[in-house]
All heavy atoms as atom14 arrays in JSON, in Angstrom:
{
  "sequence": "LSREEARAQYEQGIDVEVEYFCNYFSIVLDSCEEGIRDQIVDLYHVLY",
  "atom14_mask": [
    [1, 1, 1, 1, 1, 1, 1, 1, 0, 0, 0, 0, 0, 0],
    [1, 1, 1, 1, 1, 1, 0, 0, 0, 0, 0, 0, 0, 0],
    [1, 1, 1, 1, 1, 1, 1, 1, 1, 1, 1, 0, 0, 0],
    [1, 1, 1, 1, 1, 1, 1, 1, 1, 0, 0, 0, 0, 0],
    [1, 1, 1, 1, 1, 1, 1, 1, 1, 0, 0, 0, 0, 0],
    [1, 1, 1, 1, 1, 0, 0, 0, 0, 0, 0, 0, 0, 0],
    [1, 1, 1, 1, 1, 1, 1, 1, 1, 1, 1, 0, 0, 0],
    [1, 1, 1, 1, 1, 0, 0, 0, 0, 0, 0, 0, 0, 0],
    [1, 1, 1, 1, 1, 1, 1, 1, 1, 0, 0, 0, 0, 0],
    [1, 1, 1, 1, 1, 1, 1, 1, 1, 1, 1, 1, 0, 0],
    [1, 1, 1, 1, 1, 1, 1, 1, 1, 0, 0, 0, 0, 0],
    [1, 1, 1, 1, 1, 1, 1, 1, 1, 0, 0, 0, 0, 0],
    [1, 1, 1, 1, 0, 0, 0, 0, 0, 0, 0, 0, 0, 0],
    [1, 1, 1, 1, 1, 1, 1, 1, 0, 0, 0, 0, 0, 0],
    [1, 1, 1, 1, 1, 1, 1, 1, 0, 0, 0, 0, 0, 0],
    [1, 1, 1, 1, 1, 1, 1, 0, 0, 0, 0, 0, 0, 0],
    [1, 1, 1, 1, 1, 1, 1, 1, 1, 0, 0, 0, 0, 0],
    [1, 1, 1, 1, 1, 1, 1, 0, 0, 0, 0, 0, 0, 0],
    [1, 1, 1, 1, 1, 1, 1, 1, 1, 0, 0, 0, 0, 0],
    [1, 1, 1, 1, 1, 1, 1, 1, 1, 1, 1, 1, 0, 0],
    [1, 1, 1, 1, 1, 1, 1, 1, 1, 1, 1, 0, 0, 0],
    [1, 1, 1, 1, 1, 1, 0, 0, 0, 0, 0, 0, 0, 0],
    [1, 1, 1, 1, 1, 1, 1, 1, 0, 0, 0, 0, 0, 0],
    [1, 1, 1, 1, 1, 1, 1, 1, 1, 1, 1, 1, 0, 0],
    [1, 1, 1, 1, 1, 1, 1, 1, 1, 1, 1, 0, 0, 0],
    [1, 1, 1, 1, 1, 1, 0, 0, 0, 0, 0, 0, 0, 0],
    [1, 1, 1, 1, 1, 1, 1, 1, 0, 0, 0, 0, 0, 0],
    [1, 1, 1, 1, 1, 1, 1, 0, 0, 0, 0, 0, 0, 0],
    [1, 1, 1, 1, 1, 1, 1, 1, 0, 0, 0, 0, 0, 0],
    [1, 1, 1, 1, 1, 1, 1, 1, 0, 0, 0, 0, 0, 0],
    [1, 1, 1, 1, 1, 1, 0, 0, 0, 0, 0, 0, 0, 0],
    [1, 1, 1, 1, 1, 1, 0, 0, 0, 0, 0, 0, 0, 0],
    [1, 1, 1, 1, 1, 1, 1, 1, 1, 0, 0, 0, 0, 0],
    [1, 1, 1, 1, 1, 1, 1, 1, 1, 0, 0, 0, 0, 0],
    [1, 1, 1, 1, 0, 0, 0, 0, 0, 0, 0, 0, 0, 0],
    [1, 1, 1, 1, 1, 1, 1, 1, 0, 0, 0, 0, 0, 0],
    [1, 1, 1, 1, 1, 1, 1, 1, 1, 1, 1, 0, 0, 0],
    [1, 1, 1, 1, 1, 1, 1, 1, 0, 0, 0, 0, 0, 0],
    [1, 1, 1, 1, 1, 1, 1, 1, 1, 0, 0, 0, 0, 0],
    [1, 1, 1, 1, 1, 1, 1, 1, 0, 0, 0, 0, 0, 0],
    [1, 1, 1, 1, 1, 1, 1, 0, 0, 0, 0, 0, 0, 0],
    [1, 1, 1, 1, 1, 1, 1, 1, 0, 0, 0, 0, 0, 0],
    [1, 1, 1, 1, 1, 1, 1, 1, 0, 0, 0, 0, 0, 0],
    [1, 1, 1, 1, 1, 1, 1, 1, 1, 1, 1, 1, 0, 0],
    [1, 1, 1, 1, 1, 1, 1, 1, 1, 1, 0, 0, 0, 0],
    [1, 1, 1, 1, 1, 1, 1, 0, 0, 0, 0, 0, 0, 0],
    [1, 1, 1, 1, 1, 1, 1, 1, 0, 0, 0, 0, 0, 0],
    [1, 1, 1, 1, 1, 1, 1, 1, 1, 1, 1, 1, 0, 0]
  ],
  "atom14_positions": [
    [[14.54, 3.33, -27.41], [13.47, 3.91, -28.19], [13.5, 3.37, -29.6], [14.61, 3.26, -30.15], [13.49, 5.36, -28.14], [13.04, 6.17, -26.9], [13.23, 7.68, -27.17], [11.59, 5.85, -26.55], [0.0, 0.0, 0.0], [0.0, 0.0, 0.0], [0.0, 0.0, 0.0], [0.0, 0.0, 0.0], [0.0, 0.0, 0.0], [0.0, 0.0, 0.0]],
    [[12.34, 3.19, -30.19], [12.28, 2.92, -31.62], [12.21, 4.22, -32.38], [11.9, 5.27, -31.67], [11.0, 2.1, -31.95], [9.84, 2.83, -31.71], [0.0, 0.0, 0.0], [0.0, 0.0, 0.0], [0.0, 0.0, 0.0], [0.0, 0.0, 0.0], [0.0, 0.0, 0.0], [0.0, 0.0, 0.0], [0.0, 0.0, 0.0], [0.0, 0.0, 0.0]],
    [[12.39, 4.22, -33.62], [12.27, 5.47, -34.4], [10.84, 5.99, -34.29], [10.58, 7.22, -34.27], [12.66, 5.25, -35.86], [14.17, 5.04, -36.03], [14.6, 5.09, -37.46], [16.09, 5.15, -37.59], [16.78, 6.23, -37.61], [16.15, 7.34, -37.54], [18.1, 6.24, -37.64], [0.0, 0.0, 0.0], [0.0, 0.0, 0.0], [0.0, 0.0, 0.0]],
    [[9.84, 5.15, -34.29], [8.48, 5.54, -34.21], [8.2, 6.24, -32.84], [7.57, 7.29, -32.76], [7.52, 4.39, -34.4], [7.51, 3.79, -35.78], [8.76, 2.92, -36.1], [9.47, 2.6, -35.16], [9.0, 2.75, -37.32], [0.0, 0.0, 0.0], [0.0, 0.0, 0.0], [0.0, 0.0, 0.0], [0.0, 0.0, 0.0], [0.0, 0.0, 0.0]],
    [[8.78, 5.63, -31.79], [8.62, 6.3, -30.45], [9.35, 7.59, -30.38], [8.86, 8.54, -29.72], [9.12, 5.3, -29.39], [8.24, 4.08, -29.25], [8.94, 2.98, -28.38], [10.14, 2.97, -28.32], [8.2, 2.22, -27.71], [0.0, 0.0, 0.0], [0.0, 0.0, 0.0], [0.0, 0.0, 0.0], [0.0, 0.0, 0.0], [0.0, 0.0, 0.0]],
    [[10.54, 7.67, -30.99], [11.3, 8.93, -30.96], [10.48, 10.02, -31.63], [10.39, 11.19, -31.22], [12.62, 8.71, -31.62], [0.0, 0.0, 0.0], [0.0, 0.0, 0.0], [0.0, 0.0, 0.0], [0.0, 0.0, 0.0], [0.0, 0.0, 0.0], [0.0, 0.0, 0.0], [0.0, 0.0, 0.0], [0.0, 0.0, 0.0], [0.0, 0.0, 0.0]],
    [[9.94, 9.73, -32.83], [9.14, 10.67, -33.57], [7.96, 11.13, -32.75], [7.61, 12.31, -32.69], [8.65, 10.1, -34.9], [7.75, 10.96, -35.69], [8.48, 12.12, -36.33], [7.61, 13.02, -36.93], [7.97, 14.06, -37.71], [9.3, 14.32, -37.9], [7.11, 14.9, -38.27], [0.0, 0.0, 0.0], [0.0, 0.0, 0.0], [0.0, 0.0, 0.0]],
    [[7.34, 10.2, -32.03], [6.22, 10.57, -31.19], [6.63, 11.46, -30.07], [5.9, 12.42, -29.72], [5.59, 9.28, -30.62], [0.0, 0.0, 0.0], [0.0, 0.0, 0.0], [0.0, 0.0, 0.0], [0.0, 0.0, 0.0], [0.0, 0.0, 0.0], [0.0, 0.0, 0.0], [0.0, 0.0, 0.0], [0.0, 0.0, 0.0], [0.0, 0.0, 0.0]],
    [[7.82, 11.25, -29.48], [8.3, 12.15, -28.45], [8.48, 13.57, -28.99], [8.12, 14.57, -28.32], [9.69, 11.66, -27.96], [9.6, 10.32, -27.19], [9.07, 10.56, -25.74], [8.89, 11.63, -25.28], [8.89, 9.41, -25.03], [0.0, 0.0, 0.0], [0.0, 0.0, 0.0], [0.0, 0.0, 0.0], [0.0, 0.0, 0.0], [0.0, 0.0, 0.0]],
    [[9.06, 13.7, -30.18], [9.26, 14.97, -30.86], [7.89, 15.7, -31.07], [7.72, 16.91, -30.74], [9.99, 14.78, -32.12], [10.01, 15.98, -33.03], [10.87, 17.1, -32.72], [9.22, 16.04, -34.2], [10.83, 18.2, -33.58], [9.23, 17.23, -34.99], [10.06, 18.23, -34.66], [10.13, 19.36, -35.49], [0.0, 0.0, 0.0], [0.0, 0.0, 0.0]],
    [[6.93, 14.96, -31.59], [5.61, 15.57, -31.91], [4.9, 15.94, -30.61], [4.15, 16.94, -30.63], [4.8, 14.62, -32.76], [5.32, 14.46, -34.16], [5.37, 15.7, -34.96], [4.7, 16.63, -34.63], [6.07, 15.69, -36.05], [0.0, 0.0, 0.0], [0.0, 0.0, 0.0], [0.0, 0.0, 0.0], [0.0, 0.0, 0.0], [0.0, 0.0, 0.0]],
    [[5.09, 15.2, -29.53], [4.48, 15.58, -28.29], [5.09, 16.93, -27.77], [4.34, 17.76, -27.21], [4.68, 14.48, -27.25], [3.76, 13.26, -27.51], [4.13, 12.12, -26.58], [5.25, 12.02, -25.99], [3.25, 11.1, -26.52], [0.0, 0.0, 0.0], [0.0, 0.0, 0.0], [0.0, 0.0, 0.0], [0.0, 0.0, 0.0], [0.0, 0.0, 0.0]],
    [[6.33, 17.15, -27.95], [6.94, 18.35, -27.62], [6.34, 19.52, -28.44], [6.07, 20.65, -27.91], [0.0, 0.0, 0.0], [0.0, 0.0, 0.0], [0.0, 0.0, 0.0], [0.0, 0.0, 0.0], [0.0, 0.0, 0.0], [0.0, 0.0, 0.0], [0.0, 0.0, 0.0], [0.0, 0.0, 0.0], [0.0, 0.0, 0.0], [0.0, 0.0, 0.0]],
    [[6.15, 19.32, -29.75], [5.46, 20.28, -30.55], [4.1, 20.59, -30.14], [3.65, 21.76, -30.04], [5.42, 19.8, -32.0], [6.8, 19.67, -32.67], [4.54, 20.7, -32.9], [7.5, 21.04, -32.93], [0.0, 0.0, 0.0], [0.0, 0.0, 0.0], [0.0, 0.0, 0.0], [0.0, 0.0, 0.0], [0.0, 0.0, 0.0], [0.0, 0.0, 0.0]],
    [[3.33, 19.58, -29.71], [1.97, 19.77, -29.16], [1.94, 20.74, -27.96], [1.09, 21.5, -27.8], [1.35, 18.39, -28.79], [0.94, 17.53, -30.03], [0.9, 18.14, -31.13], [0.79, 16.33, -29.89], [0.0, 0.0, 0.0], [0.0, 0.0, 0.0], [0.0, 0.0, 0.0], [0.0, 0.0, 0.0], [0.0, 0.0, 0.0], [0.0, 0.0, 0.0]],
    [[2.91, 20.54, -27.08], [3.08, 21.38, -25.89], [3.25, 22.85, -26.34], [2.61, 23.73, -25.83], [4.2, 20.94, -25.02], [4.44, 21.94, -23.86], [3.96, 19.61, -24.4], [0.0, 0.0, 0.0], [0.0, 0.0, 0.0], [0.0, 0.0, 0.0], [0.0, 0.0, 0.0], [0.0, 0.0, 0.0], [0.0, 0.0, 0.0], [0.0, 0.0, 0.0]],
    [[4.14, 23.03, -27.25], [4.35, 24.43, -27.8], [3.13, 25.0, -28.48], [2.85, 26.19, -28.38], [5.56, 24.45, -28.73], [6.9, 24.17, -28.13], [7.39, 25.27, -27.28], [6.7, 26.31, -27.12], [8.54, 25.14, -26.67], [0.0, 0.0, 0.0], [0.0, 0.0, 0.0], [0.0, 0.0, 0.0], [0.0, 0.0, 0.0], [0.0, 0.0, 0.0]],
    [[2.35, 24.15, -29.19], [1.13, 24.66, -29.81], [0.19, 25.15, -28.73], [-0.48, 26.26, -28.88], [0.46, 23.54, -30.67], [-0.92, 23.91, -31.1], [1.35, 23.23, -31.84], [0.0, 0.0, 0.0], [0.0, 0.0, 0.0], [0.0, 0.0, 0.0], [0.0, 0.0, 0.0], [0.0, 0.0, 0.0], [0.0, 0.0, 0.0], [0.0, 0.0, 0.0]],
    [[-0.01, 24.31, -27.71], [-0.85, 24.72, -26.61], [-0.4, 26.05, -25.95], [-1.21, 26.91, -25.71], [-0.89, 23.6, -25.54], [-1.87, 23.93, -24.4], [-1.91, 22.81, -23.34], [-1.31, 21.75, -23.59], [-2.46, 23.1, -22.28], [0.0, 0.0, 0.0], [0.0, 0.0, 0.0], [0.0, 0.0, 0.0], [0.0, 0.0, 0.0], [0.0, 0.0, 0.0]],
    [[0.93, 26.17, -25.78], [1.42, 27.33, -25.2], [1.23, 28.59, -26.08], [0.84, 29.67, -25.62], [2.91, 27.24, -24.81], [3.39, 28.55, -24.26], [2.94, 28.97, -23.07], [4.23, 29.35, -25.05], [3.3, 30.26, -22.59], [4.57, 30.58, -24.6], [4.12, 31.08, -23.35], [4.48, 32.29, -22.89], [0.0, 0.0, 0.0], [0.0, 0.0, 0.0]],
    [[1.54, 28.39, -27.31], [1.35, 29.49, -28.36], [-0.12, 30.06, -28.28], [-0.33, 31.26, -28.35], [1.72, 28.93, -29.75], [1.61, 29.98, -30.84], [2.7, 30.8, -31.07], [0.47, 30.09, -31.56], [2.61, 31.74, -32.16], [0.36, 31.07, -32.63], [1.45, 31.88, -32.93], [0.0, 0.0, 0.0], [0.0, 0.0, 0.0], [0.0, 0.0, 0.0]],
    [[-1.07, 29.11, -28.23], [-2.43, 29.47, -28.2], [-2.76, 30.27, -26.89], [-3.44, 31.33, -26.9], [-3.39, 28.32, -28.34], [-3.31, 27.54, -29.92], [0.0, 0.0, 0.0], [0.0, 0.0, 0.0], [0.0, 0.0, 0.0], [0.0, 0.0, 0.0], [0.0, 0.0, 0.0], [0.0, 0.0, 0.0], [0.0, 0.0, 0.0], [0.0, 0.0, 0.0]],
    [[-2.24, 29.83, -25.78], [-2.46, 30.53, -24.5], [-1.74, 31.9, -24.57], [-2.33, 32.92, -24.12], [-1.9, 29.77, -23.34], [-2.85, 28.59, -22.95], [-4.07, 28.81, -22.9], [-2.28, 27.51, -22.6], [0.0, 0.0, 0.0], [0.0, 0.0, 0.0], [0.0, 0.0, 0.0], [0.0, 0.0, 0.0], [0.0, 0.0, 0.0], [0.0, 0.0, 0.0]],
    [[-0.59, 31.94, -25.08], [0.27, 33.13, -25.12], [-0.42, 34.24, -25.94], [-0.43, 35.42, -25.56], [1.6, 32.82, -25.72], [2.66, 33.92, -25.67], [3.47, 34.04, -24.59], [2.8, 34.79, -26.75], [4.45, 35.08, -24.54], [3.75, 35.81, -26.7], [4.61, 35.93, -25.61], [5.53, 36.87, -25.54], [0.0, 0.0, 0.0], [0.0, 0.0, 0.0]],
    [[-1.0, 33.83, -27.09], [-1.67, 34.81, -27.97], [-3.21, 34.81, -27.91], [-3.86, 35.33, -28.76], [-1.21, 34.57, -29.42], [0.16, 34.98, -29.71], [1.22, 34.06, -29.88], [0.53, 36.35, -29.81], [2.55, 34.46, -30.13], [1.82, 36.72, -30.04], [2.82, 35.8, -30.28], [0.0, 0.0, 0.0], [0.0, 0.0, 0.0], [0.0, 0.0, 0.0]],
    [[-3.68, 34.13, -26.87], [-5.17, 34.14, -26.64], [-5.92, 33.6, -27.86], [-6.93, 34.11, -28.3], [-5.71, 35.5, -26.29], [-5.12, 35.95, -25.08], [0.0, 0.0, 0.0], [0.0, 0.0, 0.0], [0.0, 0.0, 0.0], [0.0, 0.0, 0.0], [0.0, 0.0, 0.0], [0.0, 0.0, 0.0], [0.0, 0.0, 0.0], [0.0, 0.0, 0.0]],
    [[-5.4, 32.51, -28.43], [-6.08, 31.84, -29.55], [-6.96, 30.7, -29.0], [-6.43, 29.85, -28.32], [-5.07, 31.32, -30.57], [-4.33, 32.41, -31.25], [-5.73, 30.39, -31.62], [-3.13, 32.01, -32.12], [0.0, 0.0, 0.0], [0.0, 0.0, 0.0], [0.0, 0.0, 0.0], [0.0, 0.0, 0.0], [0.0, 0.0, 0.0], [0.0, 0.0, 0.0]],
    [[-8.24, 30.72, -29.29], [-9.16, 29.64, -28.85], [-9.2, 28.66, -29.99], [-10.04, 28.79, -30.94], [-10.5, 30.27, -28.52], [-11.45, 29.11, -27.97], [-10.44, 31.32, -27.49], [0.0, 0.0, 0.0], [0.0, 0.0, 0.0], [0.0, 0.0, 0.0], [0.0, 0.0, 0.0], [0.0, 0.0, 0.0], [0.0, 0.0, 0.0], [0.0, 0.0, 0.0]],
    [[-8.31, 27.68, -29.97], [-8.15, 26.79, -31.04], [-9.43, 26.0, -31.37], [-9.78, 25.82, -32.59], [-7.02, 25.77, -30.77], [-6.37, 25.1, -31.95], [-5.89, 26.08, -32.96], [-5.22, 24.22, -31.46], [0.0, 0.0, 0.0], [0.0, 0.0, 0.0], [0.0, 0.0, 0.0], [0.0, 0.0, 0.0], [0.0, 0.0, 0.0], [0.0, 0.0, 0.0]],
    [[-10.18, 25.63, -30.4], [-11.4, 24.86, -30.66], [-12.48, 25.68, -31.41], [-13.4, 25.09, -31.99], [-12.0, 24.32, -29.29], [-11.17, 23.24, -28.75], [-10.36, 22.65, -29.42], [-11.29, 22.99, -27.52], [0.0, 0.0, 0.0], [0.0, 0.0, 0.0], [0.0, 0.0, 0.0], [0.0, 0.0, 0.0], [0.0, 0.0, 0.0], [0.0, 0.0, 0.0]],
    [[-12.39, 26.99, -31.39], [-13.31, 27.84, -32.03], [-12.82, 28.32, -33.41], [-13.57, 29.05, -34.13], [-13.63, 29.09, -31.26], [-14.22, 28.73, -29.93], [0.0, 0.0, 0.0], [0.0, 0.0, 0.0], [0.0, 0.0, 0.0], [0.0, 0.0, 0.0], [0.0, 0.0, 0.0], [0.0, 0.0, 0.0], [0.0, 0.0, 0.0], [0.0, 0.0, 0.0]],
    [[-11.61, 27.89, -33.76], [-11.03, 28.29, -35.08], [-11.45, 27.29, -36.16], [-11.71, 26.09, -35.91], [-9.46, 28.37, -34.98], [-8.86, 29.72, -33.93], [0.0, 0.0, 0.0], [0.0, 0.0, 0.0], [0.0, 0.0, 0.0], [0.0, 0.0, 0.0], [0.0, 0.0, 0.0], [0.0, 0.0, 0.0], [0.0, 0.0, 0.0], [0.0, 0.0, 0.0]],
    [[-11.4, 27.77, -37.36], [-11.67, 26.9, -38.5], [-10.54, 25.95, -38.74], [-9.43, 26.16, -38.29], [-11.95, 27.79, -39.76], [-13.16, 28.63, -39.68], [-13.34, 29.58, -40.81], [-12.51, 29.54, -41.8], [-14.31, 30.39, -40.81], [0.0, 0.0, 0.0], [0.0, 0.0, 0.0], [0.0, 0.0, 0.0], [0.0, 0.0, 0.0], [0.0, 0.0, 0.0]],
    [[-10.78, 24.91, -39.51], [-9.84, 23.89, -39.74], [-8.64, 24.5, -40.45], [-8.75, 25.34, -41.31], [-10.48, 22.78, -40.62], [-9.61, 21.6, -40.89], [-10.26, 20.52, -41.68], [-11.48, 20.65, -41.95], [-9.6, 19.53, -42.03], [0.0, 0.0, 0.0], [0.0, 0.0, 0.0], [0.0, 0.0, 0.0], [0.0, 0.0, 0.0], [0.0, 0.0, 0.0]],
    [[-7.46, 24.03, -40.06], [-6.22, 24.46, -40.7], [-5.38, 25.33, -39.81], [-4.12, 25.45, -40.07], [0.0, 0.0, 0.0], [0.0, 0.0, 0.0], [0.0, 0.0, 0.0], [0.0, 0.0, 0.0], [0.0, 0.0, 0.0], [0.0, 0.0, 0.0], [0.0, 0.0, 0.0], [0.0, 0.0, 0.0], [0.0, 0.0, 0.0], [0.0, 0.0, 0.0]],
    [[-5.97, 26.02, -38.83], [-5.16, 26.92, -37.96], [-4.14, 26.12, -37.12], [-2.93, 26.44, -37.09], [-6.09, 27.68, -37.05], [-6.87, 28.72, -37.88], [-5.24, 28.42, -35.98], [-6.09, 29.74, -38.57], [0.0, 0.0, 0.0], [0.0, 0.0, 0.0], [0.0, 0.0, 0.0], [0.0, 0.0, 0.0], [0.0, 0.0, 0.0], [0.0, 0.0, 0.0]],
    [[-4.6, 24.98, -36.59], [-3.67, 24.2, -35.8], [-2.51, 23.7, -36.59], [-1.35, 23.7, -36.17], [-4.41, 23.02, -35.1], [-3.46, 22.24, -34.15], [-4.11, 20.95, -33.6], [-3.24, 20.43, -32.56], [-2.15, 19.72, -32.83], [-1.73, 19.46, -34.01], [-1.44, 19.26, -31.76], [0.0, 0.0, 0.0], [0.0, 0.0, 0.0], [0.0, 0.0, 0.0]],
    [[-2.76, 23.25, -37.82], [-1.69, 22.72, -38.65], [-0.67, 23.83, -38.99], [0.51, 23.56, -39.09], [-2.33, 22.25, -40.02], [-3.06, 20.89, -39.82], [-2.88, 20.26, -38.76], [-3.78, 20.53, -40.74], [0.0, 0.0, 0.0], [0.0, 0.0, 0.0], [0.0, 0.0, 0.0], [0.0, 0.0, 0.0], [0.0, 0.0, 0.0], [0.0, 0.0, 0.0]],
    [[-1.13, 25.06, -39.15], [-0.26, 26.18, -39.36], [0.66, 26.39, -38.14], [1.83, 26.74, -38.29], [-1.01, 27.44, -39.69], [-1.69, 27.43, -41.09], [-2.28, 28.81, -41.34], [-1.58, 29.79, -41.47], [-3.59, 28.87, -41.5], [0.0, 0.0, 0.0], [0.0, 0.0, 0.0], [0.0, 0.0, 0.0], [0.0, 0.0, 0.0], [0.0, 0.0, 0.0]],
    [[0.1, 26.27, -36.97], [0.88, 26.5, -35.71], [1.89, 25.39, -35.62], [3.06, 25.56, -35.2], [0.01, 26.57, -34.51], [-1.04, 27.73, -34.62], [0.9, 26.87, -33.25], [-2.04, 27.78, -33.51], [0.0, 0.0, 0.0], [0.0, 0.0, 0.0], [0.0, 0.0, 0.0], [0.0, 0.0, 0.0], [0.0, 0.0, 0.0], [0.0, 0.0, 0.0]],
    [[1.52, 24.16, -35.94], [2.39, 23.0, -35.87], [3.63, 23.33, -36.82], [4.78, 23.07, -36.54], [1.68, 21.7, -36.25], [2.68, 20.54, -36.51], [0.77, 21.3, -35.09], [0.0, 0.0, 0.0], [0.0, 0.0, 0.0], [0.0, 0.0, 0.0], [0.0, 0.0, 0.0], [0.0, 0.0, 0.0], [0.0, 0.0, 0.0], [0.0, 0.0, 0.0]],
    [[3.23, 23.68, -38.05], [4.32, 23.98, -39.02], [5.23, 25.09, -38.57], [6.45, 25.02, -38.8], [3.63, 24.43, -40.41], [2.92, 23.23, -41.1], [3.19, 22.07, -40.71], [2.13, 23.51, -41.97], [0.0, 0.0, 0.0], [0.0, 0.0, 0.0], [0.0, 0.0, 0.0], [0.0, 0.0, 0.0], [0.0, 0.0, 0.0], [0.0, 0.0, 0.0]],
    [[4.7, 26.11, -37.93], [5.51, 27.19, -37.39], [6.53, 26.62, -36.38], [7.7, 26.96, -36.47], [4.64, 28.21, -36.68], [5.29, 29.18, -35.76], [6.17, 30.14, -36.59], [4.27, 29.98, -34.92], [0.0, 0.0, 0.0], [0.0, 0.0, 0.0], [0.0, 0.0, 0.0], [0.0, 0.0, 0.0], [0.0, 0.0, 0.0], [0.0, 0.0, 0.0]],
    [[6.09, 25.73, -35.49], [7.03, 25.22, -34.5], [7.98, 24.24, -35.09], [9.13, 24.01, -34.58], [6.31, 24.71, -33.28], [5.96, 25.85, -32.35], [4.74, 26.44, -32.38], [6.95, 26.31, -31.51], [4.45, 27.56, -31.56], [6.69, 27.45, -30.7], [5.46, 28.0, -30.75], [5.27, 29.11, -29.96], [0.0, 0.0, 0.0], [0.0, 0.0, 0.0]],
    [[7.63, 23.55, -36.1], [8.58, 22.69, -36.79], [9.74, 23.57, -37.35], [10.9, 23.17, -37.2], [7.93, 21.9, -38.01], [7.13, 20.77, -37.59], [6.13, 20.19, -38.44], [7.11, 20.03, -36.49], [5.57, 19.19, -37.8], [6.18, 19.02, -36.63], [0.0, 0.0, 0.0], [0.0, 0.0, 0.0], [0.0, 0.0, 0.0], [0.0, 0.0, 0.0]],
    [[9.4, 24.71, -37.87], [10.46, 25.61, -38.34], [11.26, 26.16, -37.16], [12.58, 26.13, -37.21], [9.81, 26.78, -39.16], [10.94, 27.77, -39.54], [9.12, 26.26, -40.4], [0.0, 0.0, 0.0], [0.0, 0.0, 0.0], [0.0, 0.0, 0.0], [0.0, 0.0, 0.0], [0.0, 0.0, 0.0], [0.0, 0.0, 0.0], [0.0, 0.0, 0.0]],
    [[10.62, 26.64, -36.16], [11.37, 27.22, -35.03], [12.22, 26.17, -34.37], [13.42, 26.41, -34.01], [10.36, 27.81, -33.97], [9.65, 29.08, -34.44], [8.69, 29.55, -33.38], [10.68, 30.22, -34.78], [0.0, 0.0, 0.0], [0.0, 0.0, 0.0], [0.0, 0.0, 0.0], [0.0, 0.0, 0.0], [0.0, 0.0, 0.0], [0.0, 0.0, 0.0]],
    [[11.69, 25.0, -34.09], [12.47, 23.94, -33.46], [13.71, 23.55, -34.33], [14.77, 23.2, -33.8], [11.63, 22.72, -33.23], [10.99, 22.65, -31.84], [10.71, 23.83, -31.14], [10.56, 21.5, -31.28], [10.13, 23.74, -29.87], [9.99, 21.38, -30.07], [9.77, 22.55, -29.36], [9.19, 22.49, -28.11], [0.0, 0.0, 0.0], [0.0, 0.0, 0.0]]
  ]
}
């Protein structure tokens, strides 16, 4: 793997958690205003 590919793998894992978080807490991300997704991503960066 290259460093770019490794980083992409990590971010794909974060994306999975973002999707799960939204399902878990019944968040309809497509109906939310801009910025909500970025906050969830940041949350999982911290948790991970």
